[in-house]
Amino acid sequence: MKQSRHEAAMTAELSAAIGLVWGHIGAMQHEEAYALSSACLELWPGERHLRLLAVYAGAELGHAADLASLRQEFGEQPCLDLMARRQPA
């Protein structure tokens, strides 16, 4: 099935957005990563990779995460263990 130009552009934009969020996380710029991923989720509300990156950045900032729902959606992932260790007491 052939993708329309609009769908291809959306895919390219989504890939760029994920790359930018990942770049902020890699640079330890968690506030920027959280803000950008949260804004991107407004455009792509069902995008699971953005959701995971937003929750990860939020965990680095001390926000609580629903780890049970994340494990149900993503399975056992090393990043979820890291997020569990970052959870506020």
Protein backbone atom coordinates (compact mmCIF):
# COMPACT_ATOMS: atom_id res chain seq x y z
CA MET A 1 0.00 0.00 0.00
CA LYS A 2 1.36 3.35 -1.01
CA GLN A 3 1.67 6.14 1.55
CA SER A 4 0.22 9.53 0.73
CA ARG A 5 2.47 12.57 0.84
CA HIS A 6 0.65 13.74 3.96
CA GLU A 7 1.24 10.42 5.75
CA ALA A 8 4.89 10.39 4.69
CA ALA A 9 5.34 13.93 5.98
CA MET A 10 3.68 13.02 9.28
CA THR A 11 5.97 10.00 9.59
CA ALA A 12 9.02 12.17 8.91
CA GLU A 13 7.84 14.79 11.41
CA LEU A 14 7.17 12.15 14.05
CA SER A 15 10.62 10.61 13.51
CA ALA A 16 12.20 14.04 13.83
CA ALA A 17 10.23 14.76 17.02
CA ILE A 18 11.28 11.45 18.59
CA GLY A 19 14.88 12.16 17.61
CA LEU A 20 14.76 15.61 19.19
CA VAL A 21 13.28 14.27 22.43
CA TRP A 22 15.88 11.49 22.49
CA GLY A 23 18.62 14.07 21.89
CA HIS A 24 17.46 16.11 24.88
CA ILE A 25 17.46 12.98 27.04
CA GLY A 26 20.92 12.03 25.81
CA ALA A 27 22.15 15.52 26.67
CA MET A 28 20.63 15.20 30.16
CA GLN A 29 18.17 18.00 29.33
CA HIS A 30 15.21 16.29 30.97
CA GLU A 31 13.08 19.40 31.42
CA GLU A 32 13.30 20.15 27.70
CA ALA A 33 12.68 16.50 26.80
CA TYR A 34 9.62 16.39 29.03
CA ALA A 35 8.21 19.65 27.65
CA LEU A 36 8.82 18.66 24.03
CA SER A 37 7.47 15.12 24.39
CA SER A 38 4.39 16.40 26.20
CA ALA A 39 3.72 18.91 23.42
CA CYS A 40 4.29 16.23 20.77
CA LEU A 41 1.78 13.97 22.50
CA GLU A 42 -0.80 16.68 21.82
CA LEU A 43 -0.14 16.16 18.09
CA TRP A 44 0.26 12.36 18.25
CA PRO A 45 -1.72 11.30 21.35
CA GLY A 46 -1.49 7.57 20.71
CA GLU A 47 2.21 7.45 19.90
CA ARG A 48 3.65 4.94 22.34
CA HIS A 49 7.33 5.82 21.81
CA LEU A 50 6.69 9.46 22.64
CA ARG A 51 4.70 8.38 25.69
CA LEU A 52 7.57 6.23 26.93
CA LEU A 53 10.08 9.05 26.39
CA ALA A 54 7.78 11.53 28.16
CA VAL A 55 7.39 9.24 31.15
CA TYR A 56 11.14 8.59 31.26
CA ALA A 57 11.94 12.31 31.18
CA GLY A 58 9.28 12.93 33.81
CA ALA A 59 10.74 10.22 36.04
CA GLU A 60 14.13 11.93 35.79
CA LEU A 61 12.40 15.10 37.00
CA GLY A 62 10.77 13.31 39.93
CA HIS A 63 7.29 12.79 38.47
CA ALA A 64 5.51 9.59 39.43
CA ALA A 65 4.90 7.04 36.68
CA ASP A 66 2.27 4.33 36.40
CA LEU A 67 4.79 1.52 36.01
CA ALA A 68 2.15 -1.22 36.01
CA SER A 69 0.46 0.18 32.89
CA LEU A 70 3.84 0.78 31.24
CA ARG A 71 4.90 -2.82 31.89
CA GLN A 72 1.60 -4.02 30.48
CA GLU A 73 2.07 -1.93 27.34
CA PHE A 74 5.83 -2.38 26.79
CA GLY A 75 6.66 -5.58 28.67
CA GLU A 76 9.79 -5.85 30.76
CA GLN A 77 12.19 -3.17 29.57
CA PRO A 78 15.42 -2.02 31.25
CA CYS A 79 14.27 1.60 31.08
CA LEU A 80 11.24 0.71 33.23
CA ASP A 81 13.54 -0.62 35.94
CA LEU A 82 15.45 2.65 35.80
CA MET A 83 12.20 4.60 36.07
CA ALA A 84 11.19 2.49 39.08
CA ARG A 85 14.39 3.48 40.85
CA ARG A 86 13.70 7.16 40.10
CA GLN A 87 10.16 7.14 41.55
CA PRO A 88 9.52 9.60 44.37
CA ALA A 89 9.25 8.03 47.79
